[in-house]
Amino acid sequence: MLLATSKKPNTVEVVTALAKPVVEQMGLQLWDVRFEKEGASWYLRIFIDKEGGVSIDDCVDMTHALSPVLDKEDPIPQEYMLEVSSPGLERKLTRPEHFAAFVGRPVRARLIRPLENGQRELTGILLRAEEDGQLELQLDEETSVTLEKKECSSVHSVEEDFDEEEE
């Protein structure tokens, strides 16, 4: 019996390949694709972005543009709900390009296991994100910490505080 040498692409990879040209044609960026089960229902979540932020109209237009492509290619055998949205202000960082885009900006890392001091959540400036999965956070003026991405249950961007009342 011969074993296949290349793995079959998963649902997220297939949908990403289908969605990317549609997103780019609309002048948007594809932030993430997730295929998730909640209760008895499956959800295909497409997160789009653009300079200046995504509007509800962008999400509606993307849904209308992508639906016929998904219907034609039929990459998902079971029933699912399609949701198109912005990744939000405090977006989940999952891909190398997400981390690269947020170097020098504040992030919050939630750890799978607490540190020796019991701390499970770290917020700081992302100093570097390496391809091998190492992240370095500047927690305060004197303290920085290096983590492995695999030690984190999630990493999110943090909305920066701007004092808008200064004039």
N, C-alpha and C. Protein backbone atom coordinates (compact mmCIF):
# COMPACT_ATOMS: atom_id res chain seq x y z
N MET A 1 0.84 -1.18 0.00
CA MET A 1 0.00 0.00 0.00
C MET A 1 0.89 1.24 0.00
N LEU A 2 0.63 2.17 -0.91
CA LEU A 2 1.40 3.41 -1.00
C LEU A 2 0.75 4.50 -0.17
N LEU A 3 1.58 5.26 0.50
CA LEU A 3 1.08 6.40 1.27
C LEU A 3 1.21 7.67 0.44
N ALA A 4 0.24 8.49 0.52
CA ALA A 4 0.28 9.76 -0.21
C ALA A 4 1.37 10.64 0.40
N THR A 5 2.13 11.32 -0.44
CA THR A 5 3.22 12.16 0.05
C THR A 5 2.77 13.59 0.30
N SER A 6 1.66 13.98 -0.28
CA SER A 6 1.17 15.35 -0.02
C SER A 6 -0.20 15.27 0.65
N LYS A 7 -0.37 16.12 1.65
CA LYS A 7 -1.64 16.08 2.37
C LYS A 7 -2.72 16.83 1.59
N LYS A 8 -3.94 16.40 1.78
CA LYS A 8 -5.08 17.06 1.16
C LYS A 8 -5.31 18.39 1.89
N PRO A 9 -5.51 19.48 1.15
CA PRO A 9 -5.74 20.76 1.83
C PRO A 9 -7.01 20.71 2.67
N ASN A 10 -6.96 21.37 3.83
CA ASN A 10 -8.14 21.39 4.69
C ASN A 10 -9.12 22.47 4.22
N THR A 11 -10.27 22.51 4.86
CA THR A 11 -11.33 23.43 4.46
C THR A 11 -10.87 24.88 4.47
N VAL A 12 -10.16 25.28 5.52
CA VAL A 12 -9.69 26.67 5.63
C VAL A 12 -8.74 27.00 4.48
N GLU A 13 -7.83 26.09 4.15
CA GLU A 13 -6.88 26.33 3.04
C GLU A 13 -7.62 26.46 1.70
N VAL A 14 -8.60 25.61 1.47
CA VAL A 14 -9.37 25.66 0.22
C VAL A 14 -10.16 26.96 0.13
N VAL A 15 -10.85 27.31 1.20
CA VAL A 15 -11.65 28.54 1.20
C VAL A 15 -10.75 29.77 1.09
N THR A 16 -9.61 29.76 1.74
CA THR A 16 -8.66 30.87 1.64
C THR A 16 -8.25 31.08 0.18
N ALA A 17 -7.92 29.99 -0.50
CA ALA A 17 -7.53 30.08 -1.90
C ALA A 17 -8.66 30.61 -2.78
N LEU A 18 -9.89 30.26 -2.46
CA LEU A 18 -11.05 30.75 -3.23
C LEU A 18 -11.35 32.22 -2.89
N ALA A 19 -11.21 32.59 -1.64
CA ALA A 19 -11.60 33.93 -1.19
C ALA A 19 -10.56 34.99 -1.53
N LYS A 20 -9.30 34.63 -1.51
CA LYS A 20 -8.23 35.63 -1.68
C LYS A 20 -8.38 36.47 -2.95
N PRO A 21 -8.59 35.88 -4.13
CA PRO A 21 -8.73 36.72 -5.33
C PRO A 21 -9.97 37.61 -5.28
N VAL A 22 -11.04 37.13 -4.67
CA VAL A 22 -12.27 37.93 -4.55
C VAL A 22 -12.00 39.14 -3.66
N VAL A 23 -11.36 38.89 -2.53
CA VAL A 23 -11.03 39.96 -1.58
C VAL A 23 -10.14 41.00 -2.23
N GLU A 24 -9.09 40.53 -2.91
CA GLU A 24 -8.14 41.46 -3.54
C GLU A 24 -8.81 42.27 -4.66
N GLN A 25 -9.68 41.63 -5.41
CA GLN A 25 -10.40 42.33 -6.49
C GLN A 25 -11.25 43.46 -5.93
N MET A 26 -11.70 43.30 -4.69
CA MET A 26 -12.54 44.31 -4.05
C MET A 26 -11.72 45.37 -3.31
N GLY A 27 -10.39 45.27 -3.40
CA GLY A 27 -9.53 46.24 -2.73
C GLY A 27 -9.43 46.03 -1.23
N LEU A 28 -9.67 44.80 -0.80
CA LEU A 28 -9.64 44.46 0.62
C LEU A 28 -8.46 43.53 0.90
N GLN A 29 -8.24 43.27 2.19
CA GLN A 29 -7.22 42.30 2.61
C GLN A 29 -7.92 41.16 3.33
N LEU A 30 -7.46 39.95 3.09
CA LEU A 30 -7.99 38.80 3.79
C LEU A 30 -7.20 38.63 5.08
N TRP A 31 -7.86 38.86 6.23
CA TRP A 31 -7.17 38.77 7.51
C TRP A 31 -7.12 37.31 7.99
N ASP A 32 -8.27 36.62 7.91
CA ASP A 32 -8.30 35.25 8.42
C ASP A 32 -9.52 34.52 7.88
N VAL A 33 -9.45 33.21 7.88
CA VAL A 33 -10.57 32.34 7.54
C VAL A 33 -10.64 31.28 8.64
N ARG A 34 -11.82 31.09 9.19
CA ARG A 34 -12.03 30.08 10.24
C ARG A 34 -13.27 29.27 9.90
N PHE A 35 -13.17 27.98 10.12
CA PHE A 35 -14.31 27.08 9.95
C PHE A 35 -14.50 26.41 11.31
N GLU A 36 -15.57 26.80 12.00
CA GLU A 36 -15.74 26.44 13.40
C GLU A 36 -17.12 25.86 13.67
N LYS A 37 -17.14 24.91 14.58
CA LYS A 37 -18.41 24.32 14.99
C LYS A 37 -18.80 24.92 16.33
N GLU A 38 -20.03 25.39 16.40
CA GLU A 38 -20.60 25.90 17.65
C GLU A 38 -21.92 25.19 17.86
N GLY A 39 -21.98 24.39 18.90
CA GLY A 39 -23.18 23.57 19.11
C GLY A 39 -23.32 22.61 17.95
N ALA A 40 -24.49 22.59 17.36
CA ALA A 40 -24.74 21.70 16.22
C ALA A 40 -24.46 22.37 14.88
N SER A 41 -24.10 23.65 14.90
CA SER A 41 -23.95 24.41 13.65
C SER A 41 -22.48 24.68 13.31
N TRP A 42 -22.21 24.72 12.00
CA TRP A 42 -20.89 25.07 11.48
C TRP A 42 -20.93 26.50 10.95
N TYR A 43 -19.83 27.23 11.17
CA TYR A 43 -19.71 28.62 10.71
C TYR A 43 -18.42 28.78 9.91
N LEU A 44 -18.56 29.36 8.73
CA LEU A 44 -17.41 29.75 7.92
C LEU A 44 -17.26 31.24 8.13
N ARG A 45 -16.19 31.64 8.80
CA ARG A 45 -15.98 33.05 9.14
C ARG A 45 -14.82 33.59 8.32
N ILE A 46 -15.14 34.64 7.57
CA ILE A 46 -14.16 35.32 6.73
C ILE A 46 -13.93 36.69 7.35
N PHE A 47 -12.69 36.99 7.69
CA PHE A 47 -12.36 38.29 8.28
C PHE A 47 -11.61 39.11 7.25
N ILE A 48 -12.15 40.29 6.95
CA ILE A 48 -11.55 41.17 5.94
C ILE A 48 -11.10 42.46 6.60
N ASP A 49 -10.16 43.13 5.94
CA ASP A 49 -9.63 44.37 6.48
C ASP A 49 -9.30 45.29 5.31
N LYS A 50 -9.12 46.56 5.63
CA LYS A 50 -8.62 47.53 4.66
C LYS A 50 -8.14 48.75 5.42
N GLU A 51 -7.32 49.53 4.78
CA GLU A 51 -6.83 50.77 5.37
C GLU A 51 -8.02 51.64 5.75
N GLY A 52 -8.02 52.10 6.98
CA GLY A 52 -9.12 52.93 7.45
C GLY A 52 -10.27 52.15 8.05
N GLY A 53 -10.22 50.82 7.96
CA GLY A 53 -11.25 49.99 8.57
C GLY A 53 -12.31 49.51 7.60
N VAL A 54 -13.02 48.49 8.00
CA VAL A 54 -14.04 47.84 7.18
C VAL A 54 -15.42 48.35 7.60
N SER A 55 -16.26 48.62 6.62
CA SER A 55 -17.63 49.04 6.91
C SER A 55 -18.58 47.84 6.78
N ILE A 56 -19.78 48.02 7.25
CA ILE A 56 -20.80 46.98 7.10
C ILE A 56 -21.07 46.73 5.62
N ASP A 57 -21.02 47.79 4.80
CA ASP A 57 -21.21 47.63 3.35
C ASP A 57 -20.12 46.76 2.74
N ASP A 58 -18.88 46.90 3.22
CA ASP A 58 -17.79 46.04 2.73
C ASP A 58 -18.10 44.58 3.03
N CYS A 59 -18.61 44.31 4.21
CA CYS A 59 -18.95 42.93 4.61
C CYS A 59 -20.08 42.38 3.76
N VAL A 60 -21.11 43.19 3.53
CA VAL A 60 -22.24 42.77 2.69
C VAL A 60 -21.78 42.52 1.26
N ASP A 61 -20.99 43.45 0.71
CA ASP A 61 -20.49 43.30 -0.66
C ASP A 61 -19.62 42.05 -0.80
N MET A 62 -18.79 41.78 0.21
CA MET A 62 -17.93 40.60 0.17
C MET A 62 -18.77 39.33 0.24
N THR A 63 -19.79 39.33 1.07
CA THR A 63 -20.68 38.17 1.16
C THR A 63 -21.33 37.90 -0.20
N HIS A 64 -21.83 38.95 -0.85
CA HIS A 64 -22.48 38.78 -2.16
C HIS A 64 -21.49 38.33 -3.23
N ALA A 65 -20.25 38.78 -3.15
CA ALA A 65 -19.25 38.39 -4.15
C ALA A 65 -18.73 36.97 -3.92
N LEU A 66 -18.60 36.57 -2.65
CA LEU A 66 -18.02 35.27 -2.33
C LEU A 66 -19.03 34.12 -2.40
N SER A 67 -20.27 34.37 -2.06
CA SER A 67 -21.28 33.31 -2.03
C SER A 67 -21.38 32.52 -3.34
N PRO A 68 -21.44 33.18 -4.51
CA PRO A 68 -21.53 32.41 -5.76
C PRO A 68 -20.28 31.55 -6.01
N VAL A 69 -19.12 32.04 -5.60
CA VAL A 69 -17.88 31.27 -5.76
C VAL A 69 -17.94 30.01 -4.90
N LEU A 70 -18.37 30.17 -3.64
CA LEU A 70 -18.49 29.01 -2.75
C LEU A 70 -19.56 28.04 -3.23
N ASP A 71 -20.67 28.58 -3.75
CA ASP A 71 -21.74 27.72 -4.27
C ASP A 71 -21.24 26.91 -5.46
N LYS A 72 -20.48 27.55 -6.35
CA LYS A 72 -20.00 26.87 -7.56
C LYS A 72 -18.96 25.81 -7.21
N GLU A 73 -17.99 26.17 -6.39
CA GLU A 73 -16.89 25.25 -6.06
C GLU A 73 -17.29 24.21 -5.02
N ASP A 74 -18.25 24.54 -4.17
CA ASP A 74 -18.80 23.64 -3.15
C ASP A 74 -17.71 22.92 -2.33
N PRO A 75 -16.82 23.71 -1.65
CA PRO A 75 -15.71 23.09 -0.93
C PRO A 75 -16.08 22.49 0.43
N ILE A 76 -17.31 22.73 0.88
CA ILE A 76 -17.71 22.28 2.21
C ILE A 76 -18.95 21.39 2.07
N PRO A 77 -18.82 20.09 2.42
CA PRO A 77 -19.94 19.17 2.19
C PRO A 77 -21.14 19.39 3.11
N GLN A 78 -20.91 19.83 4.34
CA GLN A 78 -22.03 20.00 5.26
C GLN A 78 -22.60 21.42 5.19
N GLU A 79 -23.77 21.58 5.83
CA GLU A 79 -24.38 22.91 5.90
C GLU A 79 -23.55 23.80 6.82
N TYR A 80 -23.51 25.10 6.49
CA TYR A 80 -22.77 26.06 7.31
C TYR A 80 -23.35 27.45 7.11
N MET A 81 -23.03 28.33 8.03
CA MET A 81 -23.42 29.74 7.92
C MET A 81 -22.17 30.52 7.52
N LEU A 82 -22.31 31.38 6.52
CA LEU A 82 -21.21 32.24 6.10
C LEU A 82 -21.32 33.56 6.85
N GLU A 83 -20.24 33.96 7.51
CA GLU A 83 -20.17 35.25 8.19
C GLU A 83 -18.95 35.99 7.67
N VAL A 84 -19.14 37.23 7.24
CA VAL A 84 -18.03 38.07 6.81
C VAL A 84 -17.99 39.26 7.75
N SER A 85 -16.82 39.53 8.33
CA SER A 85 -16.73 40.63 9.28
C SER A 85 -15.31 41.19 9.32
N SER A 86 -15.18 42.27 10.07
CA SER A 86 -13.89 42.87 10.36
C SER A 86 -13.23 42.04 11.46
N PRO A 87 -11.89 41.99 11.49
CA PRO A 87 -11.24 41.30 12.60
C PRO A 87 -11.35 42.07 13.92
N GLY A 88 -11.84 43.32 13.87
CA GLY A 88 -12.04 44.10 15.08
C GLY A 88 -10.80 44.85 15.53
N LEU A 89 -10.98 45.70 16.51
CA LEU A 89 -9.86 46.47 17.04
C LEU A 89 -8.87 45.59 17.77
N GLU A 90 -9.38 44.68 18.58
CA GLU A 90 -8.51 43.78 19.32
C GLU A 90 -8.56 42.42 18.63
N ARG A 91 -7.84 42.35 17.52
CA ARG A 91 -7.91 41.19 16.64
C ARG A 91 -6.99 40.06 17.09
N LYS A 92 -7.41 38.85 16.79
CA LYS A 92 -6.62 37.67 17.12
C LYS A 92 -5.48 37.54 16.10
N LEU A 93 -4.27 37.38 16.61
CA LEU A 93 -3.10 37.20 15.76
C LEU A 93 -2.83 35.70 15.66
N THR A 94 -2.83 35.17 14.45
CA THR A 94 -2.64 33.74 14.28
C THR A 94 -1.56 33.39 13.26
N ARG A 95 -1.36 34.23 12.28
CA ARG A 95 -0.44 33.92 11.18
C ARG A 95 0.84 34.74 11.29
N PRO A 96 1.93 34.27 10.69
CA PRO A 96 3.18 35.03 10.76
C PRO A 96 3.03 36.48 10.29
N GLU A 97 2.22 36.71 9.26
CA GLU A 97 2.05 38.08 8.76
C GLU A 97 1.28 38.95 9.75
N HIS A 98 0.40 38.35 10.56
CA HIS A 98 -0.30 39.10 11.61
C HIS A 98 0.71 39.61 12.64
N PHE A 99 1.57 38.70 13.09
CA PHE A 99 2.56 39.07 14.10
C PHE A 99 3.53 40.12 13.54
N ALA A 100 3.96 39.93 12.30
CA ALA A 100 4.88 40.89 11.68
C ALA A 100 4.25 42.28 11.61
N ALA A 101 2.96 42.35 11.32
CA ALA A 101 2.27 43.64 11.20
C ALA A 101 2.14 44.34 12.55
N PHE A 102 2.22 43.59 13.65
CA PHE A 102 2.02 44.19 14.97
C PHE A 102 3.30 44.34 15.79
N VAL A 103 4.45 44.10 15.18
CA VAL A 103 5.71 44.37 15.88
C VAL A 103 5.76 45.87 16.18
N GLY A 104 6.10 46.20 17.42
CA GLY A 104 6.14 47.59 17.86
C GLY A 104 4.82 48.10 18.41
N ARG A 105 3.82 47.23 18.46
CA ARG A 105 2.49 47.62 18.94
C ARG A 105 2.08 46.75 20.11
N PRO A 106 1.11 47.21 20.92
CA PRO A 106 0.71 46.44 22.09
C PRO A 106 -0.12 45.20 21.74
N VAL A 107 0.19 44.12 22.47
CA VAL A 107 -0.55 42.86 22.32
C VAL A 107 -0.79 42.26 23.70
N ARG A 108 -1.76 41.35 23.76
CA ARG A 108 -2.04 40.62 24.99
C ARG A 108 -1.92 39.13 24.67
N ALA A 109 -1.06 38.45 25.42
CA ALA A 109 -0.87 37.02 25.26
C ALA A 109 -1.51 36.30 26.45
N ARG A 110 -2.40 35.37 26.16
CA ARG A 110 -2.99 34.52 27.21
C ARG A 110 -2.24 33.19 27.16
N LEU A 111 -1.71 32.80 28.28
CA LEU A 111 -0.88 31.60 28.36
C LEU A 111 -1.71 30.36 28.67
N ILE A 112 -1.29 29.23 28.15
CA ILE A 112 -1.94 27.96 28.43
C ILE A 112 -1.70 27.59 29.89
N ARG A 113 -0.46 27.73 30.33
CA ARG A 113 -0.09 27.45 31.73
C ARG A 113 0.44 28.73 32.34
N PRO A 114 0.10 28.99 33.61
CA PRO A 114 0.58 30.22 34.25
C PRO A 114 2.10 30.20 34.45
N LEU A 115 2.67 31.38 34.51
CA LEU A 115 4.09 31.52 34.85
C LEU A 115 4.29 31.14 36.31
N GLU A 116 5.53 31.10 36.75
CA GLU A 116 5.83 30.74 38.15
C GLU A 116 5.11 31.66 39.13
N ASN A 117 4.91 32.93 38.75
CA ASN A 117 4.24 33.88 39.64
C ASN A 117 2.70 33.78 39.55
N GLY A 118 2.21 32.82 38.79
CA GLY A 118 0.78 32.62 38.66
C GLY A 118 0.13 33.44 37.55
N GLN A 119 0.91 34.30 36.93
CA GLN A 119 0.36 35.16 35.88
C GLN A 119 0.05 34.35 34.64
N ARG A 120 -1.15 34.58 34.09
CA ARG A 120 -1.60 33.84 32.92
C ARG A 120 -1.81 34.74 31.71
N GLU A 121 -1.77 36.04 31.92
CA GLU A 121 -2.00 36.99 30.84
C GLU A 121 -0.92 38.06 30.88
N LEU A 122 -0.30 38.31 29.73
CA LEU A 122 0.76 39.30 29.62
C LEU A 122 0.38 40.32 28.57
N THR A 123 0.52 41.60 28.91
CA THR A 123 0.25 42.66 27.96
C THR A 123 1.50 43.50 27.83
N GLY A 124 1.92 43.73 26.59
CA GLY A 124 3.11 44.54 26.36
C GLY A 124 3.30 44.82 24.89
N ILE A 125 4.40 45.49 24.59
CA ILE A 125 4.74 45.82 23.21
C ILE A 125 5.41 44.60 22.58
N LEU A 126 4.92 44.19 21.42
CA LEU A 126 5.53 43.07 20.70
C LEU A 126 6.84 43.57 20.08
N LEU A 127 7.95 43.13 20.63
CA LEU A 127 9.26 43.57 20.13
C LEU A 127 9.71 42.79 18.90
N ARG A 128 9.41 41.49 18.92
CA ARG A 128 9.77 40.66 17.76
C ARG A 128 8.91 39.41 17.73
N ALA A 129 8.74 38.91 16.53
CA ALA A 129 8.01 37.67 16.30
C ALA A 129 8.81 36.88 15.26
N GLU A 130 9.39 35.80 15.70
CA GLU A 130 10.26 35.00 14.83
C GLU A 130 9.47 33.91 14.10
N GLU A 131 9.98 33.51 12.97
CA GLU A 131 9.35 32.44 12.19
C GLU A 131 9.27 31.13 12.97
N ASP A 132 10.22 30.92 13.90
CA ASP A 132 10.22 29.68 14.67
C ASP A 132 9.20 29.68 15.81
N GLY A 133 8.44 30.78 15.95
CA GLY A 133 7.38 30.84 16.95
C GLY A 133 7.74 31.59 18.22
N GLN A 134 8.95 32.16 18.28
CA GLN A 134 9.31 32.94 19.47
C GLN A 134 8.74 34.35 19.37
N LEU A 135 8.18 34.80 20.50
CA LEU A 135 7.65 36.15 20.62
C LEU A 135 8.37 36.84 21.76
N GLU A 136 8.70 38.11 21.59
CA GLU A 136 9.29 38.87 22.68
C GLU A 136 8.39 40.06 22.98
N LEU A 137 7.98 40.18 24.25
CA LEU A 137 7.12 41.27 24.69
C LEU A 137 7.86 42.14 25.69
N GLN A 138 7.75 43.46 25.51
CA GLN A 138 8.26 44.43 26.48
C GLN A 138 7.10 44.74 27.41
N LEU A 139 7.18 44.24 28.65
CA LEU A 139 6.08 44.39 29.59
C LEU A 139 6.07 45.76 30.26
N ASP A 140 7.25 46.28 30.56
CA ASP A 140 7.39 47.63 31.12
C ASP A 140 8.81 48.10 30.79
N GLU A 141 9.22 49.23 31.34
CA GLU A 141 10.53 49.80 30.97
C GLU A 141 11.69 48.87 31.26
N GLU A 142 11.58 48.05 32.31
CA GLU A 142 12.68 47.18 32.70
C GLU A 142 12.50 45.72 32.33
N THR A 143 11.29 45.31 31.96
CA THR A 143 11.01 43.88 31.83
C THR A 143 10.55 43.50 30.42
N SER A 144 11.25 42.53 29.86
CA SER A 144 10.78 41.92 28.63
C SER A 144 10.78 40.40 28.85
N VAL A 145 9.95 39.72 28.09
CA VAL A 145 9.83 38.27 28.24
C VAL A 145 9.77 37.65 26.84
N THR A 146 10.40 36.48 26.71
CA THR A 146 10.34 35.73 25.47
C THR A 146 9.45 34.51 25.69
N LEU A 147 8.50 34.33 24.79
CA LEU A 147 7.53 33.23 24.86
C LEU A 147 7.56 32.44 23.57
N GLU A 148 7.09 31.22 23.66
CA GLU A 148 6.83 30.43 22.46
C GLU A 148 5.35 30.60 22.12
N LYS A 149 5.04 30.80 20.84
CA LYS A 149 3.63 30.92 20.43
C LYS A 149 2.81 29.73 20.90
N LYS A 150 3.41 28.55 20.88
CA LYS A 150 2.69 27.35 21.29
C LYS A 150 2.36 27.33 22.78
N GLU A 151 2.99 28.22 23.58
CA GLU A 151 2.67 28.35 25.00
C GLU A 151 1.45 29.25 25.23
N CYS A 152 0.97 29.90 24.16
CA CYS A 152 -0.13 30.86 24.26
C CYS A 152 -1.43 30.24 23.75
N SER A 153 -2.49 30.42 24.51
CA SER A 153 -3.79 29.98 24.01
C SER A 153 -4.31 30.97 22.99
N SER A 154 -3.93 32.25 23.14
CA SER A 154 -4.29 33.27 22.15
C SER A 154 -3.39 34.48 22.31
N VAL A 155 -3.25 35.20 21.21
CA VAL A 155 -2.55 36.48 21.22
C VAL A 155 -3.44 37.45 20.45
N HIS A 156 -3.76 38.58 21.08
CA HIS A 156 -4.62 39.59 20.47
C HIS A 156 -3.91 40.93 20.45
N SER A 157 -4.23 41.73 19.45
CA SER A 157 -3.77 43.12 19.47
C SER A 157 -4.56 43.83 20.57
N VAL A 158 -4.01 44.91 21.06
CA VAL A 158 -4.66 45.69 22.11
C VAL A 158 -4.88 47.09 21.56
N GLU A 159 -6.10 47.58 21.72
CA GLU A 159 -6.39 48.93 21.25
C GLU A 159 -5.50 49.90 22.02
N GLU A 160 -4.78 50.72 21.26
CA GLU A 160 -3.88 51.69 21.89
C GLU A 160 -4.67 52.83 22.49
N ASP A 161 -4.23 53.29 23.66
CA ASP A 161 -4.88 54.41 24.32
C ASP A 161 -4.34 55.72 23.76
N PHE A 162 -5.22 56.50 23.19
CA PHE A 162 -4.86 57.82 22.69
C PHE A 162 -5.64 58.85 23.49
N ASP A 163 -4.96 59.84 24.00
CA ASP A 163 -5.64 60.88 24.74
C ASP A 163 -6.15 61.90 23.73
N GLU A 164 -7.40 61.75 23.31
CA GLU A 164 -7.97 62.60 22.27
C GLU A 164 -8.38 63.95 22.79
N GLU A 165 -8.36 64.12 24.10
CA GLU A 165 -8.81 65.42 24.64
C GLU A 165 -7.69 66.44 24.63
N GLU A 166 -6.44 66.01 24.37
CA GLU A 166 -5.35 66.97 24.27
C GLU A 166 -5.49 67.74 22.96
N GLU A 167 -5.32 69.04 23.03
CA GLU A 167 -5.45 69.83 21.80
C GLU A 167 -4.33 70.82 21.71
